[in-house]
């Protein structure tokens, strides 16, 4: 399982996680503002098919986290992660990080059981 985490220097780093469990949707005022900016970007970029902001558990004592979960036409995409990281950093600062999980079709189905997507390509 791959996830990308926006590091302190703004470049994503890829991390392998042994398992991934979807716990629910992350939503609040700052999250909604982020979702609006991401929807605008995804509508221009056209590579993201579906997006969720979810609470996830990585297992193996890695703990839970908030993750932007995406299904992309091109699979895991470091360039896309970098662009998303810049949008996130502009809103929340370089001291914060955002986990980005690139989803398989099976994971999209599992995630839809506990979380609503905030973006779906038409």
PDB file of N, CA and C in Angstrom:
ATOM      1  N   UNK A   1       0.851  -1.173   0.000  1.00  0.00           N
ATOM      2  CA  UNK A   1       0.000   0.000   0.000  1.00  0.00           C
ATOM      3  C   UNK A   1       0.890   1.227   0.000  1.00  0.00           C
ATOM      4  N   UNK A   2       0.622   2.163  -0.877  1.00  0.00           N
ATOM      5  CA  UNK A   2       1.408   3.387  -0.955  1.00  0.00           C
ATOM      6  C   UNK A   2       0.607   4.561  -0.420  1.00  0.00           C
ATOM      7  N   UNK A   3       1.318   5.413   0.261  1.00  0.00           N
ATOM      8  CA  UNK A   3       0.740   6.711   0.594  1.00  0.00           C
ATOM      9  C   UNK A   3       1.856   7.715   0.408  1.00  0.00           C
ATOM     10  N   UNK A   4       1.488   8.930   0.115  1.00  0.00           N
ATOM     11  CA  UNK A   4       2.479   9.983  -0.006  1.00  0.00           C
ATOM     12  C   UNK A   4       2.196  11.000   1.074  1.00  0.00           C
ATOM     13  N   UNK A   5       3.251  11.442   1.690  1.00  0.00           N
ATOM     14  CA  UNK A   5       3.127  12.435   2.750  1.00  0.00           C
ATOM     15  C   UNK A   5       3.913  13.652   2.311  1.00  0.00           C
ATOM     16  N   UNK A   6       3.297  14.799   2.432  1.00  0.00           N
ATOM     17  CA  UNK A   6       3.981  16.030   2.098  1.00  0.00           C
ATOM     18  C   UNK A   6       4.978  16.317   3.206  1.00  0.00           C
ATOM     19  N   UNK A   7       6.243  16.310   2.883  1.00  0.00           N
ATOM     20  CA  UNK A   7       7.293  16.530   3.871  1.00  0.00           C
ATOM     21  C   UNK A   7       7.468  17.999   4.201  1.00  0.00           C
ATOM     22  N   UNK A   8       8.391  18.267   5.098  1.00  0.00           N
ATOM     23  CA  UNK A   8       8.592  19.636   5.563  1.00  0.00           C
ATOM     24  C   UNK A   8       9.166  20.537   4.482  1.00  0.00           C
ATOM     25  N   UNK A   9       9.806  19.988   3.476  1.00  0.00           N
ATOM     26  CA  UNK A   9      10.349  20.811   2.403  1.00  0.00           C
ATOM     27  C   UNK A   9       9.394  20.898   1.215  1.00  0.00           C
ATOM     28  N   UNK A  10       8.182  20.391   1.368  1.00  0.00           N
ATOM     29  CA  UNK A  10       7.177  20.501   0.337  1.00  0.00           C
ATOM     30  C   UNK A  10       7.165  19.375  -0.680  1.00  0.00           C
ATOM     31  N   UNK A  11       8.180  18.536  -0.675  1.00  0.00           N
ATOM     32  CA  UNK A  11       8.241  17.426  -1.620  1.00  0.00           C
ATOM     33  C   UNK A  11       7.583  16.200  -0.988  1.00  0.00           C
ATOM     34  N   UNK A  12       6.766  15.483  -1.761  1.00  0.00           N
ATOM     35  CA  UNK A  12       6.148  14.286  -1.190  1.00  0.00           C
ATOM     36  C   UNK A  12       7.170  13.178  -1.023  1.00  0.00           C
ATOM     37  N   UNK A  13       6.968  12.394   0.019  1.00  0.00           N
ATOM     38  CA  UNK A  13       7.780  11.192   0.168  1.00  0.00           C
ATOM     39  C   UNK A  13       6.827  10.013   0.216  1.00  0.00           C
ATOM     40  N   UNK A  14       7.226   8.941  -0.450  1.00  0.00           N
ATOM     41  CA  UNK A  14       6.383   7.763  -0.536  1.00  0.00           C
ATOM     42  C   UNK A  14       6.660   6.855   0.645  1.00  0.00           C
ATOM     43  N   UNK A  15       5.586   6.364   1.248  1.00  0.00           N
ATOM     44  CA  UNK A  15       5.690   5.495   2.413  1.00  0.00           C
ATOM     45  C   UNK A  15       4.844   4.255   2.138  1.00  0.00           C
ATOM     46  N   UNK A  16       5.404   3.097   2.397  1.00  0.00           N
ATOM     47  CA  UNK A  16       4.656   1.839   2.272  1.00  0.00           C
ATOM     48  C   UNK A  16       3.980   1.561   3.609  1.00  0.00           C
ATOM     49  N   UNK A  17       2.699   1.246   3.565  1.00  0.00           N
ATOM     50  CA  UNK A  17       1.976   0.900   4.793  1.00  0.00           C
ATOM     51  C   UNK A  17       1.423  -0.511   4.649  1.00  0.00           C
ATOM     52  N   UNK A  18       1.451  -1.285   5.742  1.00  0.00           N
ATOM     53  CA  UNK A  18       1.066  -2.690   5.647  1.00  0.00           C
ATOM     54  C   UNK A  18      -0.426  -2.905   5.405  1.00  0.00           C
ATOM     55  N   UNK A  19      -1.234  -2.020   5.919  1.00  0.00           N
ATOM     56  CA  UNK A  19      -2.677  -2.157   5.745  1.00  0.00           C
ATOM     57  C   UNK A  19      -3.311  -0.783   5.835  1.00  0.00           C
ATOM     58  N   UNK A  20      -4.549  -0.729   5.417  1.00  0.00           N
ATOM     59  CA  UNK A  20      -5.255   0.550   5.426  1.00  0.00           C
ATOM     60  C   UNK A  20      -6.714   0.280   5.723  1.00  0.00           C
ATOM     61  N   UNK A  21      -7.207   0.942   6.758  1.00  0.00           N
ATOM     62  CA  UNK A  21      -8.614   0.818   7.108  1.00  0.00           C
ATOM     63  C   UNK A  21      -9.243   2.194   7.045  1.00  0.00           C
ATOM     64  N   UNK A  22     -10.393   2.280   6.400  1.00  0.00           N
ATOM     65  CA  UNK A  22     -11.120   3.536   6.283  1.00  0.00           C
ATOM     66  C   UNK A  22     -12.121   3.630   7.420  1.00  0.00           C
ATOM     67  N   UNK A  23     -12.036   4.733   8.189  1.00  0.00           N
ATOM     68  CA  UNK A  23     -12.864   4.869   9.383  1.00  0.00           C
ATOM     69  C   UNK A  23     -14.044   5.809   9.196  1.00  0.00           C
ATOM     70  N   UNK A  24     -13.942   6.782   8.295  1.00  0.00           N
ATOM     71  CA  UNK A  24     -15.042   7.718   8.101  1.00  0.00           C
ATOM     72  C   UNK A  24     -14.583   8.965   7.382  1.00  0.00           C
ATOM     73  N   UNK A  25     -15.483   9.916   7.299  1.00  0.00           N
ATOM     74  CA  UNK A  25     -15.213  11.177   6.609  1.00  0.00           C
ATOM     75  C   UNK A  25     -14.646  12.205   7.572  1.00  0.00           C
ATOM     76  N   UNK A  26     -13.725  13.018   7.103  1.00  0.00           N
ATOM     77  CA  UNK A  26     -13.225  14.165   7.870  1.00  0.00           C
ATOM     78  C   UNK A  26     -13.894  15.408   7.304  1.00  0.00           C
ATOM     79  N   UNK A  27     -14.608  16.117   8.149  1.00  0.00           N
ATOM     80  CA  UNK A  27     -15.330  17.287   7.669  1.00  0.00           C
ATOM     81  C   UNK A  27     -15.386  18.345   8.760  1.00  0.00           C
ATOM     82  N   UNK A  28     -15.262  19.570   8.365  1.00  0.00           N
ATOM     83  CA  UNK A  28     -15.331  20.732   9.236  1.00  0.00           C
ATOM     84  C   UNK A  28     -15.126  21.951   8.360  1.00  0.00           C
ATOM     85  N   UNK A  29     -15.113  23.119   8.951  1.00  0.00           N
ATOM     86  CA  UNK A  29     -14.981  24.348   8.166  1.00  0.00           C
ATOM     87  C   UNK A  29     -13.668  24.389   7.388  1.00  0.00           C
ATOM     88  N   UNK A  30     -12.494  24.158   8.016  1.00  0.00           N
ATOM     89  CA  UNK A  30     -11.259  24.213   7.220  1.00  0.00           C
ATOM     90  C   UNK A  30     -11.201  23.121   6.146  1.00  0.00           C
ATOM     91  N   UNK A  31     -11.752  21.954   6.467  1.00  0.00           N
ATOM     92  CA  UNK A  31     -11.767  20.867   5.495  1.00  0.00           C
ATOM     93  C   UNK A  31     -12.637  21.220   4.292  1.00  0.00           C
ATOM     94  N   UNK A  32     -13.763  21.865   4.542  1.00  0.00           N
ATOM     95  CA  UNK A  32     -14.642  22.273   3.429  1.00  0.00           C
ATOM     96  C   UNK A  32     -13.953  23.300   2.545  1.00  0.00           C
ATOM     97  N   UNK A  33     -13.208  24.215   3.154  1.00  0.00           N
ATOM     98  CA  UNK A  33     -12.464  25.200   2.359  1.00  0.00           C
ATOM     99  C   UNK A  33     -11.401  24.518   1.506  1.00  0.00           C
ATOM    100  N   UNK A  34     -10.714  23.524   2.079  1.00  0.00           N
ATOM    101  CA  UNK A  34      -9.731  22.767   1.309  1.00  0.00           C
ATOM    102  C   UNK A  34     -10.413  22.026   0.159  1.00  0.00           C
ATOM    103  N   UNK A  35     -11.541  21.409   0.432  1.00  0.00           N
ATOM    104  CA  UNK A  35     -12.257  20.660  -0.603  1.00  0.00           C
ATOM    105  C   UNK A  35     -12.658  21.566  -1.770  1.00  0.00           C
ATOM    106  N   UNK A  36     -13.088  22.779  -1.473  1.00  0.00           N
ATOM    107  CA  UNK A  36     -13.465  23.729  -2.539  1.00  0.00           C
ATOM    108  C   UNK A  36     -12.259  24.011  -3.433  1.00  0.00           C
ATOM    109  N   UNK A  37     -11.111  24.262  -2.834  1.00  0.00           N
ATOM    110  CA  UNK A  37      -9.900  24.549  -3.620  1.00  0.00           C
ATOM    111  C   UNK A  37      -9.463  23.323  -4.426  1.00  0.00           C
ATOM    112  N   UNK A  38      -9.584  22.145  -3.824  1.00  0.00           N
ATOM    113  CA  UNK A  38      -9.197  20.932  -4.536  1.00  0.00           C
ATOM    114  C   UNK A  38     -10.148  20.625  -5.683  1.00  0.00           C
ATOM    115  N   UNK A  39     -11.439  20.834  -5.492  1.00  0.00           N
ATOM    116  CA  UNK A  39     -12.403  20.620  -6.580  1.00  0.00           C
ATOM    117  C   UNK A  39     -12.068  21.524  -7.760  1.00  0.00           C
ATOM    118  N   UNK A  40     -11.756  22.777  -7.480  1.00  0.00           N
ATOM    119  CA  UNK A  40     -11.370  23.699  -8.552  1.00  0.00           C
ATOM    120  C   UNK A  40     -10.139  23.164  -9.289  1.00  0.00           C
ATOM    121  N   UNK A  41      -9.141  22.721  -8.546  1.00  0.00           N
ATOM    122  CA  UNK A  41      -7.926  22.171  -9.157  1.00  0.00           C
ATOM    123  C   UNK A  41      -8.233  20.896  -9.953  1.00  0.00           C
ATOM    124  N   UNK A  42      -8.999  19.985  -9.376  1.00  0.00           N
ATOM    125  CA  UNK A  42      -9.311  18.724 -10.058  1.00  0.00           C
ATOM    126  C   UNK A  42     -10.097  18.961 -11.340  1.00  0.00           C
ATOM    127  N   UNK A  43     -10.971  19.962 -11.341  1.00  0.00           N
ATOM    128  CA  UNK A  43     -11.723  20.279 -12.566  1.00  0.00           C
ATOM    129  C   UNK A  43     -10.801  20.768 -13.679  1.00  0.00           C
ATOM    130  N   UNK A  44      -9.714  21.431 -13.317  1.00  0.00           N
ATOM    131  CA  UNK A  44      -8.740  21.907 -14.314  1.00  0.00           C
ATOM    132  C   UNK A  44      -7.758  20.810 -14.697  1.00  0.00           C
ATOM    133  N   UNK A  45      -7.314  20.023 -13.736  1.00  0.00           N
ATOM    134  CA  UNK A  45      -6.281  19.012 -13.962  1.00  0.00           C
ATOM    135  C   UNK A  45      -6.807  17.799 -14.740  1.00  0.00           C
ATOM    136  N   UNK A  46      -7.983  17.345 -14.419  1.00  0.00           N
ATOM    137  CA  UNK A  46      -8.691  16.263 -15.099  1.00  0.00           C
ATOM    138  C   UNK A  46      -8.097  14.868 -14.907  1.00  0.00           C
ATOM    139  N   UNK A  47      -7.103  14.696 -14.041  1.00  0.00           N
ATOM    140  CA  UNK A  47      -6.548  13.354 -13.851  1.00  0.00           C
ATOM    141  C   UNK A  47      -7.192  12.607 -12.680  1.00  0.00           C
ATOM    142  N   UNK A  48      -7.821  13.328 -11.763  1.00  0.00           N
ATOM    143  CA  UNK A  48      -8.460  12.698 -10.608  1.00  0.00           C
ATOM    144  C   UNK A  48      -9.882  12.296 -10.981  1.00  0.00           C
ATOM    145  N   UNK A  49     -10.197  11.035 -10.718  1.00  0.00           N
ATOM    146  CA  UNK A  49     -11.539  10.531 -11.014  1.00  0.00           C
ATOM    147  C   UNK A  49     -12.492  10.683  -9.837  1.00  0.00           C
ATOM    148  N   UNK A  50     -11.996  10.413  -8.615  1.00  0.00           N
ATOM    149  CA  UNK A  50     -12.813  10.543  -7.416  1.00  0.00           C
ATOM    150  C   UNK A  50     -11.889  10.899  -6.249  1.00  0.00           C
ATOM    151  N   UNK A  51     -12.422  11.700  -5.309  1.00  0.00           N
ATOM    152  CA  UNK A  51     -11.620  12.137  -4.162  1.00  0.00           C
ATOM    153  C   UNK A  51     -12.458  12.131  -2.888  1.00  0.00           C
ATOM    154  N   UNK A  52     -11.796  11.736  -1.803  1.00  0.00           N
ATOM    155  CA  UNK A  52     -12.392  11.684  -0.471  1.00  0.00           C
ATOM    156  C   UNK A  52     -11.421  12.327   0.515  1.00  0.00           C
ATOM    157  N   UNK A  53     -11.937  12.928   1.568  1.00  0.00           N
ATOM    158  CA  UNK A  53     -11.108  13.338   2.703  1.00  0.00           C
ATOM    159  C   UNK A  53     -11.552  12.451   3.860  1.00  0.00           C
ATOM    160  N   UNK A  54     -10.684  11.509   4.231  1.00  0.00           N
ATOM    161  CA  UNK A  54     -11.098  10.440   5.130  1.00  0.00           C
ATOM    162  C   UNK A  54     -10.191  10.318   6.346  1.00  0.00           C
ATOM    163  N   UNK A  55     -10.774   9.744   7.396  1.00  0.00           N
ATOM    164  CA  UNK A  55     -10.013   9.312   8.556  1.00  0.00           C
ATOM    165  C   UNK A  55      -9.600   7.873   8.254  1.00  0.00           C
ATOM    166  N   UNK A  56      -8.302   7.614   8.335  1.00  0.00           N
ATOM    167  CA  UNK A  56      -7.783   6.290   8.001  1.00  0.00           C
ATOM    168  C   UNK A  56      -6.910   5.767   9.141  1.00  0.00           C
ATOM    169  N   UNK A  57      -6.791   4.463   9.196  1.00  0.00           N
ATOM    170  CA  UNK A  57      -5.897   3.801  10.148  1.00  0.00           C
ATOM    171  C   UNK A  57      -4.922   2.981   9.322  1.00  0.00           C
ATOM    172  N   UNK A  58      -3.630   3.222   9.521  1.00  0.00           N
ATOM    173  CA  UNK A  58      -2.596   2.540   8.752  1.00  0.00           C
ATOM    174  C   UNK A  58      -2.160   1.212   9.362  1.00  0.00           C
ATOM    175  N   UNK A  59      -2.667   0.868  10.529  1.00  0.00           N
ATOM    176  CA  UNK A  59      -2.297  -0.391  11.153  1.00  0.00           C
ATOM    177  C   UNK A  59      -0.853  -0.392  11.634  1.00  0.00           C
ATOM    178  N   UNK A  60      -0.385  -1.529  12.107  1.00  0.00           N
ATOM    179  CA  UNK A  60       0.998  -1.738  12.553  1.00  0.00           C
ATOM    180  C   UNK A  60       1.487  -0.615  13.466  1.00  0.00           C
ATOM    181  N   UNK A  61       0.607  -0.148  14.329  1.00  0.00           N
ATOM    182  CA  UNK A  61       0.946   0.906  15.290  1.00  0.00           C
ATOM    183  C   UNK A  61       1.386   2.214  14.646  1.00  0.00           C
ATOM    184  N   UNK A  62       1.013   2.432  13.393  1.00  0.00           N
ATOM    185  CA  UNK A  62       1.311   3.706  12.746  1.00  0.00           C
ATOM    186  C   UNK A  62       0.274   4.760  13.112  1.00  0.00           C
ATOM    187  N   UNK A  63      -0.855   4.320  13.649  1.00  0.00           N
ATOM    188  CA  UNK A  63      -1.881   5.246  14.109  1.00  0.00           C
ATOM    189  C   UNK A  63      -2.791   5.736  13.009  1.00  0.00           C
ATOM    190  N   UNK A  64      -3.804   6.472  13.402  1.00  0.00           N
ATOM    191  CA  UNK A  64      -4.763   7.028  12.480  1.00  0.00           C
ATOM    192  C   UNK A  64      -4.315   8.374  11.964  1.00  0.00           C
ATOM    193  N   UNK A  65      -4.940   8.798  10.896  1.00  0.00           N
ATOM    194  CA  UNK A  65      -4.569  10.055  10.279  1.00  0.00           C
ATOM    195  C   UNK A  65      -5.713  10.517   9.385  1.00  0.00           C
ATOM    196  N   UNK A  66      -5.599  11.740   8.946  1.00  0.00           N
ATOM    197  CA  UNK A  66      -6.501  12.272   7.933  1.00  0.00           C
ATOM    198  C   UNK A  66      -5.773  12.132   6.607  1.00  0.00           C
ATOM    199  N   UNK A  67      -6.465  11.629   5.598  1.00  0.00           N
ATOM    200  CA  UNK A  67      -5.825  11.427   4.301  1.00  0.00           C
ATOM    201  C   UNK A  67      -6.743  11.886   3.176  1.00  0.00           C
ATOM    202  N   UNK A  68      -6.133  12.499   2.194  1.00  0.00           N
ATOM    203  CA  UNK A  68      -6.810  12.769   0.934  1.00  0.00           C
ATOM    204  C   UNK A  68      -6.674  11.487   0.131  1.00  0.00           C
ATOM    205  N   UNK A  69      -7.782  10.850  -0.146  1.00  0.00           N
ATOM    206  CA  UNK A  69      -7.798   9.569  -0.846  1.00  0.00           C
ATOM    207  C   UNK A  69      -8.304   9.802  -2.260  1.00  0.00           C
ATOM    208  N   UNK A  70      -7.493   9.411  -3.242  1.00  0.00           N
ATOM    209  CA  UNK A  70      -7.781   9.709  -4.647  1.00  0.00           C
ATOM    210  C   UNK A  70      -7.728   8.461  -5.495  1.00  0.00           C
ATOM    211  N   UNK A  71      -8.565   8.447  -6.503  1.00  0.00           N
ATOM    212  CA  UNK A  71      -8.371   7.510  -7.596  1.00  0.00           C
ATOM    213  C   UNK A  71      -8.009   8.359  -8.801  1.00  0.00           C
ATOM    214  N   UNK A  72      -6.820   8.107  -9.337  1.00  0.00           N
ATOM    215  CA  UNK A  72      -6.301   8.877 -10.458  1.00  0.00           C
ATOM    216  C   UNK A  72      -6.263   8.004 -11.706  1.00  0.00           C
ATOM    217  N   UNK A  73      -6.435   8.624 -12.838  1.00  0.00           N
ATOM    218  CA  UNK A  73      -6.347   7.895 -14.116  1.00  0.00           C
ATOM    219  C   UNK A  73      -4.980   7.260 -14.302  1.00  0.00           C
ATOM    220  N   UNK A  74      -3.951   7.830 -13.680  1.00  0.00           N
ATOM    221  CA  UNK A  74      -2.579   7.402 -13.910  1.00  0.00           C
ATOM    222  C   UNK A  74      -1.976   6.678 -12.710  1.00  0.00           C
ATOM    223  N   UNK A  75      -2.783   6.305 -11.713  1.00  0.00           N
ATOM    224  CA  UNK A  75      -2.255   5.652 -10.528  1.00  0.00           C
ATOM    225  C   UNK A  75      -1.492   6.638  -9.660  1.00  0.00           C
ATOM    226  N   UNK A  76      -0.626   6.131  -8.783  1.00  0.00           N
ATOM    227  CA  UNK A  76       0.165   7.034  -7.936  1.00  0.00           C
ATOM    228  C   UNK A  76       0.967   8.011  -8.798  1.00  0.00           C
ATOM    229  N   UNK A  77       0.868   9.281  -8.458  1.00  0.00           N
ATOM    230  CA  UNK A  77       1.433  10.336  -9.311  1.00  0.00           C
ATOM    231  C   UNK A  77       2.116  11.367  -8.420  1.00  0.00           C
ATOM    232  N   UNK A  78       3.448  11.338  -8.381  1.00  0.00           N
ATOM    233  CA  UNK A  78       4.223  12.252  -7.534  1.00  0.00           C
ATOM    234  C   UNK A  78       3.976  13.715  -7.923  1.00  0.00           C
ATOM    235  N   UNK A  79       3.883  13.995  -9.214  1.00  0.00           N
ATOM    236  CA  UNK A  79       3.635  15.372  -9.664  1.00  0.00           C
ATOM    237  C   UNK A  79       2.296  15.896  -9.175  1.00  0.00           C
ATOM    238  N   UNK A  80       1.268  15.058  -9.246  1.00  0.00           N
ATOM    239  CA  UNK A  80      -0.046  15.432  -8.736  1.00  0.00           C
ATOM    240  C   UNK A  80       0.025  15.671  -7.234  1.00  0.00           C
ATOM    241  N   UNK A  81       0.728  14.801  -6.515  1.00  0.00           N
ATOM    242  CA  UNK A  81       0.878  14.966  -5.064  1.00  0.00           C
ATOM    243  C   UNK A  81       1.567  16.284  -4.733  1.00  0.00           C
ATOM    244  N   UNK A  82       2.576  16.661  -5.511  1.00  0.00           N
ATOM    245  CA  UNK A  82       3.271  17.930  -5.281  1.00  0.00           C
ATOM    246  C   UNK A  82       2.332  19.114  -5.468  1.00  0.00           C
ATOM    247  N   UNK A  83       1.523  19.088  -6.512  1.00  0.00           N
ATOM    248  CA  UNK A  83       0.584  20.192  -6.770  1.00  0.00           C
ATOM    249  C   UNK A  83      -0.446  20.297  -5.650  1.00  0.00           C
ATOM    250  N   UNK A  84      -0.966  19.157  -5.207  1.00  0.00           N
ATOM    251  CA  UNK A  84      -1.923  19.152  -4.100  1.00  0.00           C
ATOM    252  C   UNK A  84      -1.247  19.678  -2.835  1.00  0.00           C
ATOM    253  N   UNK A  85      -0.004  19.277  -2.615  1.00  0.00           N
ATOM    254  CA  UNK A  85       0.745  19.751  -1.452  1.00  0.00           C
ATOM    255  C   UNK A  85       0.907  21.257  -1.429  1.00  0.00           C
ATOM    256  N   UNK A  86       1.089  21.861  -2.600  1.00  0.00           N
ATOM    257  CA  UNK A  86       1.214  23.324  -2.665  1.00  0.00           C
ATOM    258  C   UNK A  86      -0.107  23.999  -2.295  1.00  0.00           C
ATOM    259  N   UNK A  87      -1.213  23.440  -2.751  1.00  0.00           N
ATOM    260  CA  UNK A  87      -2.527  23.984  -2.392  1.00  0.00           C
ATOM    261  C   UNK A  87      -2.726  23.877  -0.883  1.00  0.00           C
ATOM    262  N   UNK A  88      -2.398  22.717  -0.322  1.00  0.00           N
ATOM    263  CA  UNK A  88      -2.545  22.491   1.116  1.00  0.00           C
ATOM    264  C   UNK A  88      -1.662  23.446   1.915  1.00  0.00           C
ATOM    265  N   UNK A  89      -0.391  23.584   1.502  1.00  0.00           N
ATOM    266  CA  UNK A  89       0.553  24.452   2.219  1.00  0.00           C
ATOM    267  C   UNK A  89       0.117  25.909   2.176  1.00  0.00           C
ATOM    268  N   UNK A  90      -0.462  26.350   1.066  1.00  0.00           N
ATOM    269  CA  UNK A  90      -0.934  27.729   0.963  1.00  0.00           C
ATOM    270  C   UNK A  90      -2.038  28.010   1.984  1.00  0.00           C
ATOM    271  N   UNK A  91      -2.807  26.993   2.320  1.00  0.00           N
ATOM    272  CA  UNK A  91      -3.897  27.165   3.281  1.00  0.00           C
ATOM    273  C   UNK A  91      -3.458  26.963   4.729  1.00  0.00           C
ATOM    274  N   UNK A  92      -2.608  25.961   4.972  1.00  0.00           N
ATOM    275  CA  UNK A  92      -2.321  25.528   6.341  1.00  0.00           C
ATOM    276  C   UNK A  92      -0.870  25.731   6.768  1.00  0.00           C
ATOM    277  N   UNK A  93      -0.011  26.147   5.857  1.00  0.00           N
ATOM    278  CA  UNK A  93       1.390  26.398   6.192  1.00  0.00           C
ATOM    279  C   UNK A  93       2.260  25.182   5.957  1.00  0.00           C
ATOM    280  N   UNK A  94       3.558  25.430   5.863  1.00  0.00           N
ATOM    281  CA  UNK A  94       4.519  24.360   5.603  1.00  0.00           C
ATOM    282  C   UNK A  94       4.758  23.447   6.799  1.00  0.00           C
ATOM    283  N   UNK A  95       4.325  23.851   7.979  1.00  0.00           N
ATOM    284  CA  UNK A  95       4.544  23.041   9.168  1.00  0.00           C
ATOM    285  C   UNK A  95       3.547  21.887   9.278  1.00  0.00           C
ATOM    286  N   UNK A  96       2.495  21.915   8.487  1.00  0.00           N
ATOM    287  CA  UNK A  96       1.482  20.855   8.488  1.00  0.00           C
ATOM    288  C   UNK A  96       1.762  19.892   7.339  1.00  0.00           C
ATOM    289  N   UNK A  97       1.237  18.676   7.441  1.00  0.00           N
ATOM    290  CA  UNK A  97       1.394  17.717   6.348  1.00  0.00           C
ATOM    291  C   UNK A  97       0.039  17.150   5.949  1.00  0.00           C
ATOM    292  N   UNK A  98      -0.008  16.603   4.769  1.00  0.00           N
ATOM    293  CA  UNK A  98      -1.212  15.973   4.253  1.00  0.00           C
ATOM    294  C   UNK A  98      -0.829  14.611   3.695  1.00  0.00           C
ATOM    295  N   UNK A  99      -1.461  13.559   4.186  1.00  0.00           N
ATOM    296  CA  UNK A  99      -1.273  12.238   3.601  1.00  0.00           C
ATOM    297  C   UNK A  99      -2.155  12.137   2.361  1.00  0.00           C
ATOM    298  N   UNK A 100      -1.600  11.581   1.309  1.00  0.00           N
ATOM    299  CA  UNK A 100      -2.345  11.354   0.074  1.00  0.00           C
ATOM    300  C   UNK A 100      -2.259   9.871  -0.225  1.00  0.00           C
ATOM    301  N   UNK A 101      -3.414   9.233  -0.353  1.00  0.00           N
ATOM    302  CA  UNK A 101      -3.481   7.809  -0.642  1.00  0.00           C
ATOM    303  C   UNK A 101      -4.084   7.652  -2.033  1.00  0.00           C
ATOM    304  N   UNK A 102      -3.374   6.951  -2.902  1.00  0.00           N
ATOM    305  CA  UNK A 102      -3.892   6.649  -4.233  1.00  0.00           C
ATOM    306  C   UNK A 102      -4.616   5.306  -4.159  1.00  0.00           C
ATOM    307  N   UNK A 103      -5.883   5.319  -4.524  1.00  0.00           N
ATOM    308  CA  UNK A 103      -6.781   4.188  -4.315  1.00  0.00           C
ATOM    309  C   UNK A 103      -6.886   3.274  -5.532  1.00  0.00           C
ATOM    310  N   UNK A 104      -7.075   1.993  -5.245  1.00  0.00           N
ATOM    311  CA  UNK A 104      -7.463   1.031  -6.278  1.00  0.00           C
ATOM    312  C   UNK A 104      -8.992   1.084  -6.406  1.00  0.00           C
ATOM    313  N   UNK A 105      -9.527   0.432  -7.422  1.00  0.00           N
ATOM    314  CA  UNK A 105     -10.985   0.378  -7.606  1.00  0.00           C
ATOM    315  C   UNK A 105     -11.656  -0.295  -6.409  1.00  0.00           C
ATOM    316  N   UNK A 106     -11.032  -1.332  -5.867  1.00  0.00           N
ATOM    317  CA  UNK A 106     -11.594  -2.042  -4.712  1.00  0.00           C
ATOM    318  C   UNK A 106     -11.610  -1.138  -3.474  1.00  0.00           C
ATOM    319  N   UNK A 107     -10.574  -0.345  -3.316  1.00  0.00           N
ATOM    320  CA  UNK A 107     -10.519   0.564  -2.168  1.00  0.00           C
ATOM    321  C   UNK A 107     -11.572   1.667  -2.281  1.00  0.00           C
ATOM    322  N   UNK A 108     -11.856   2.119  -3.489  1.00  0.00           N
ATOM    323  CA  UNK A 108     -12.916   3.119  -3.678  1.00  0.00           C
ATOM    324  C   UNK A 108     -14.240   2.550  -3.174  1.00  0.00           C
ATOM    325  N   UNK A 109     -14.527   1.325  -3.536  1.00  0.00           N
ATOM    326  CA  UNK A 109     -15.775   0.678  -3.105  1.00  0.00           C
ATOM    327  C   UNK A 109     -15.823   0.575  -1.589  1.00  0.00           C
ATOM    328  N   UNK A 110     -14.719   0.169  -0.960  1.00  0.00           N
ATOM    329  CA  UNK A 110     -14.675   0.058   0.500  1.00  0.00           C
ATOM    330  C   UNK A 110     -14.835   1.420   1.163  1.00  0.00           C
ATOM    331  N   UNK A 111     -14.188   2.426   0.620  1.00  0.00           N
ATOM    332  CA  UNK A 111     -14.250   3.762   1.210  1.00  0.00           C
ATOM    333  C   UNK A 111     -15.645   4.365   1.083  1.00  0.00           C
ATOM    334  N   UNK A 112     -16.313   4.100  -0.018  1.00  0.00           N
ATOM    335  CA  UNK A 112     -17.669   4.639  -0.221  1.00  0.00           C
ATOM    336  C   UNK A 112     -18.663   4.135   0.818  1.00  0.00           C
ATOM    337  N   UNK A 113     -18.350   3.050   1.493  1.00  0.00           N
ATOM    338  CA  UNK A 113     -19.234   2.508   2.533  1.00  0.00           C
ATOM    339  C   UNK A 113     -19.208   3.347   3.804  1.00  0.00           C
ATOM    340  N   UNK A 114     -18.118   4.134   4.014  1.00  0.00           N
ATOM    341  CA  UNK A 114     -17.990   4.895   5.260  1.00  0.00           C
ATOM    342  C   UNK A 114     -17.760   6.395   5.041  1.00  0.00           C
ATOM    343  N   UNK A 115     -17.628   6.820   3.793  1.00  0.00           N
ATOM    344  CA  UNK A 115     -17.262   8.213   3.521  1.00  0.00           C
ATOM    345  C   UNK A 115     -17.856   8.662   2.186  1.00  0.00           C
ATOM    346  N   UNK A 116     -18.342   9.889   2.150  1.00  0.00           N
ATOM    347  CA  UNK A 116     -18.838  10.465   0.895  1.00  0.00           C
ATOM    348  C   UNK A 116     -17.679  11.098   0.130  1.00  0.00           C
ATOM    349  N   UNK A 117     -17.688  10.900  -1.178  1.00  0.00           N
ATOM    350  CA  UNK A 117     -16.691  11.594  -1.991  1.00  0.00           C
ATOM    351  C   UNK A 117     -17.067  13.071  -2.057  1.00  0.00           C
ATOM    352  N   UNK A 118     -16.073  13.932  -2.157  1.00  0.00           N
ATOM    353  CA  UNK A 118     -16.344  15.354  -2.344  1.00  0.00           C
ATOM    354  C   UNK A 118     -16.096  15.772  -3.795  1.00  0.00           C
ATOM    355  N   UNK A 119     -15.546  14.847  -4.585  1.00  0.00           N
ATOM    356  CA  UNK A 119     -15.312  15.136  -6.003  1.00  0.00           C
ATOM    357  C   UNK A 119     -15.450  13.838  -6.787  1.00  0.00           C
ATOM    358  N   UNK A 120     -16.103  13.962  -7.936  1.00  0.00           N
ATOM    359  CA  UNK A 120     -16.220  12.848  -8.877  1.00  0.00           C
ATOM    360  C   UNK A 120     -16.189  13.446 -10.274  1.00  0.00           C
ATOM    361  N   UNK A 121     -15.264  12.959 -11.101  1.00  0.00           N
ATOM    362  CA  UNK A 121     -15.147  13.450 -12.480  1.00  0.00           C
ATOM    363  C   UNK A 121     -16.373  13.037 -13.281  1.00  0.00           C
ATOM    364  N   UNK A 122     -16.876  13.956 -14.087  1.00  0.00           N
ATOM    365  CA  UNK A 122     -18.074  13.666 -14.901  1.00  0.00           C
ATOM    366  C   UNK A 122     -17.684  13.249 -16.283  1.00  0.00           C
TER     367      UNK A 122
END
